[in-house]
Amino acid sequence: MFYTYILASKRNGTLYLGHTDDLGERILQHKLKANYGFSSQYNCVHLVWFETHETRESAFKRER
């Protein structure tokens, strides 16, 4: 199972789109700011939407 997801910094704030095969672990990484990048710089840690996909390619295509 693969996921496409959207995180927000706050209500009406900055949005971050991503895809992963482990949604729980990936959200935890964002909250802990484990990787420096766009989401950590703009504090995008609130999951606001996600959907499931059968393949990584489908999740990646949806993210784009």
N, C-alpha and C. Protein backbone atom coordinates (compact mmCIF):
# COMPACT_ATOMS: atom_id res chain seq x y z
N MET A 1 0.84 -1.17 0.00
CA MET A 1 0.00 0.00 0.00
C MET A 1 0.90 1.24 0.00
N PHE A 2 0.53 2.22 -0.79
CA PHE A 2 1.27 3.48 -0.88
C PHE A 2 0.30 4.63 -0.64
N TYR A 3 0.84 5.76 -0.24
CA TYR A 3 0.01 6.90 0.15
C TYR A 3 0.50 8.18 -0.50
N THR A 4 -0.43 9.04 -0.84
CA THR A 4 -0.17 10.43 -1.19
C THR A 4 -0.78 11.24 -0.06
N TYR A 5 -0.07 12.27 0.42
CA TYR A 5 -0.56 12.99 1.59
C TYR A 5 -0.26 14.48 1.48
N ILE A 6 -1.00 15.25 2.28
CA ILE A 6 -0.78 16.70 2.38
C ILE A 6 -0.62 17.05 3.86
N LEU A 7 0.43 17.82 4.14
CA LEU A 7 0.66 18.36 5.48
C LEU A 7 0.49 19.87 5.43
N ALA A 8 0.10 20.46 6.55
CA ALA A 8 -0.03 21.91 6.64
C ALA A 8 0.75 22.41 7.85
N SER A 9 1.20 23.65 7.77
CA SER A 9 1.90 24.26 8.90
C SER A 9 0.91 24.73 9.96
N LYS A 10 -0.23 25.22 9.51
CA LYS A 10 -1.31 25.70 10.38
C LYS A 10 -2.53 25.93 9.50
N ARG A 11 -3.62 26.33 10.06
CA ARG A 11 -4.83 26.63 9.28
C ARG A 11 -4.50 27.75 8.29
N ASN A 12 -4.82 27.53 7.03
CA ASN A 12 -4.52 28.47 5.94
C ASN A 12 -3.03 28.78 5.83
N GLY A 13 -2.19 27.82 6.24
CA GLY A 13 -0.75 28.02 6.19
C GLY A 13 -0.13 27.37 4.96
N THR A 14 1.15 27.08 5.07
CA THR A 14 1.92 26.45 4.01
C THR A 14 1.57 24.98 3.89
N LEU A 15 1.48 24.48 2.65
CA LEU A 15 1.17 23.07 2.39
C LEU A 15 2.39 22.34 1.86
N TYR A 16 2.46 21.05 2.18
CA TYR A 16 3.51 20.16 1.68
C TYR A 16 2.84 18.90 1.16
N LEU A 17 3.18 18.47 -0.05
CA LEU A 17 2.65 17.24 -0.63
C LEU A 17 3.75 16.21 -0.69
N GLY A 18 3.41 14.95 -0.42
CA GLY A 18 4.39 13.89 -0.47
C GLY A 18 3.75 12.55 -0.76
N HIS A 19 4.59 11.53 -0.93
CA HIS A 19 4.10 10.15 -1.08
C HIS A 19 5.05 9.23 -0.33
N THR A 20 4.53 8.10 0.15
CA THR A 20 5.30 7.18 0.97
C THR A 20 4.65 5.81 0.98
N ASP A 21 5.38 4.82 1.49
CA ASP A 21 4.80 3.49 1.67
C ASP A 21 4.51 3.20 3.15
N ASP A 22 4.88 4.13 4.05
CA ASP A 22 4.62 3.98 5.49
C ASP A 22 4.19 5.34 6.04
N LEU A 23 2.91 5.60 5.99
CA LEU A 23 2.39 6.93 6.34
C LEU A 23 2.69 7.30 7.79
N GLY A 24 2.47 6.37 8.72
CA GLY A 24 2.72 6.66 10.14
C GLY A 24 4.15 7.05 10.42
N GLU A 25 5.09 6.28 9.87
CA GLU A 25 6.52 6.57 10.06
C GLU A 25 6.90 7.90 9.41
N ARG A 26 6.37 8.15 8.23
CA ARG A 26 6.72 9.39 7.51
C ARG A 26 6.21 10.63 8.24
N ILE A 27 4.99 10.56 8.78
CA ILE A 27 4.44 11.69 9.54
C ILE A 27 5.28 11.93 10.79
N LEU A 28 5.69 10.85 11.45
CA LEU A 28 6.55 10.98 12.63
C LEU A 28 7.87 11.67 12.26
N GLN A 29 8.46 11.30 11.13
CA GLN A 29 9.69 11.94 10.67
C GLN A 29 9.48 13.44 10.46
N HIS A 30 8.34 13.81 9.89
CA HIS A 30 8.05 15.24 9.70
C HIS A 30 7.92 15.94 11.05
N LYS A 31 7.19 15.34 11.99
CA LYS A 31 6.99 15.97 13.30
C LYS A 31 8.30 16.13 14.07
N LEU A 32 9.20 15.15 13.92
CA LEU A 32 10.50 15.20 14.60
C LEU A 32 11.53 16.01 13.83
N LYS A 33 11.16 16.46 12.62
CA LYS A 33 12.07 17.20 11.75
C LYS A 33 13.35 16.41 11.53
N ALA A 34 13.19 15.11 11.25
CA ALA A 34 14.32 14.20 11.07
C ALA A 34 15.16 14.55 9.84
N ASN A 35 14.55 15.10 8.82
CA ASN A 35 15.26 15.48 7.60
C ASN A 35 15.07 16.97 7.37
N TYR A 36 16.17 17.68 7.14
CA TYR A 36 16.04 19.10 6.86
C TYR A 36 15.54 19.29 5.44
N GLY A 37 14.55 20.11 5.29
CA GLY A 37 14.00 20.37 3.97
C GLY A 37 12.81 21.32 4.08
N PHE A 38 12.01 21.34 3.04
CA PHE A 38 10.89 22.26 2.95
C PHE A 38 9.94 22.12 4.13
N SER A 39 9.52 20.88 4.42
CA SER A 39 8.52 20.68 5.48
C SER A 39 9.04 21.09 6.86
N SER A 40 10.31 20.83 7.15
CA SER A 40 10.85 21.24 8.45
C SER A 40 11.07 22.75 8.50
N GLN A 41 11.49 23.33 7.39
CA GLN A 41 11.72 24.77 7.34
C GLN A 41 10.43 25.55 7.56
N TYR A 42 9.32 25.05 7.01
CA TYR A 42 8.04 25.75 7.12
C TYR A 42 7.11 25.12 8.17
N ASN A 43 7.63 24.17 8.95
CA ASN A 43 6.90 23.54 10.04
C ASN A 43 5.60 22.86 9.59
N CYS A 44 5.63 22.18 8.47
CA CYS A 44 4.47 21.44 7.96
C CYS A 44 4.41 20.09 8.66
N VAL A 45 3.61 19.99 9.70
CA VAL A 45 3.56 18.77 10.51
C VAL A 45 2.13 18.24 10.74
N HIS A 46 1.12 18.96 10.28
CA HIS A 46 -0.27 18.56 10.51
C HIS A 46 -0.83 17.85 9.28
N LEU A 47 -1.15 16.56 9.44
CA LEU A 47 -1.73 15.79 8.34
C LEU A 47 -3.15 16.28 8.10
N VAL A 48 -3.43 16.74 6.89
CA VAL A 48 -4.77 17.25 6.59
C VAL A 48 -5.51 16.40 5.56
N TRP A 49 -4.77 15.51 4.84
CA TRP A 49 -5.41 14.69 3.81
C TRP A 49 -4.46 13.59 3.37
N PHE A 50 -5.03 12.41 3.04
CA PHE A 50 -4.24 11.35 2.42
C PHE A 50 -5.15 10.45 1.62
N GLU A 51 -4.56 9.71 0.68
CA GLU A 51 -5.29 8.68 -0.05
C GLU A 51 -4.35 7.52 -0.32
N THR A 52 -4.92 6.35 -0.53
CA THR A 52 -4.13 5.14 -0.75
C THR A 52 -4.02 4.83 -2.24
N HIS A 53 -2.94 4.11 -2.57
CA HIS A 53 -2.67 3.70 -3.95
C HIS A 53 -2.11 2.28 -3.95
N GLU A 54 -2.32 1.58 -5.04
CA GLU A 54 -1.82 0.22 -5.18
C GLU A 54 -0.34 0.19 -5.53
N THR A 55 0.16 1.19 -6.24
CA THR A 55 1.56 1.20 -6.68
C THR A 55 2.24 2.51 -6.31
N ARG A 56 3.56 2.44 -6.19
CA ARG A 56 4.35 3.64 -5.92
C ARG A 56 4.21 4.65 -7.06
N GLU A 57 4.17 4.13 -8.29
CA GLU A 57 4.05 5.00 -9.46
C GLU A 57 2.74 5.79 -9.42
N SER A 58 1.68 5.14 -9.02
CA SER A 58 0.37 5.80 -8.93
C SER A 58 0.39 6.90 -7.86
N ALA A 59 1.00 6.61 -6.71
CA ALA A 59 1.10 7.60 -5.64
C ALA A 59 1.95 8.78 -6.08
N PHE A 60 3.07 8.50 -6.76
CA PHE A 60 3.96 9.55 -7.24
C PHE A 60 3.25 10.41 -8.29
N LYS A 61 2.54 9.77 -9.20
CA LYS A 61 1.82 10.51 -10.24
C LYS A 61 0.76 11.42 -9.62
N ARG A 62 0.06 10.95 -8.63
CA ARG A 62 -0.97 11.75 -7.95
C ARG A 62 -0.34 12.93 -7.22
N GLU A 63 0.82 12.70 -6.61
CA GLU A 63 1.52 13.79 -5.92
C GLU A 63 1.89 14.89 -6.91
N ARG A 64 2.35 14.52 -8.07
CA ARG A 64 2.75 15.50 -9.09
C ARG A 64 1.54 16.17 -9.69
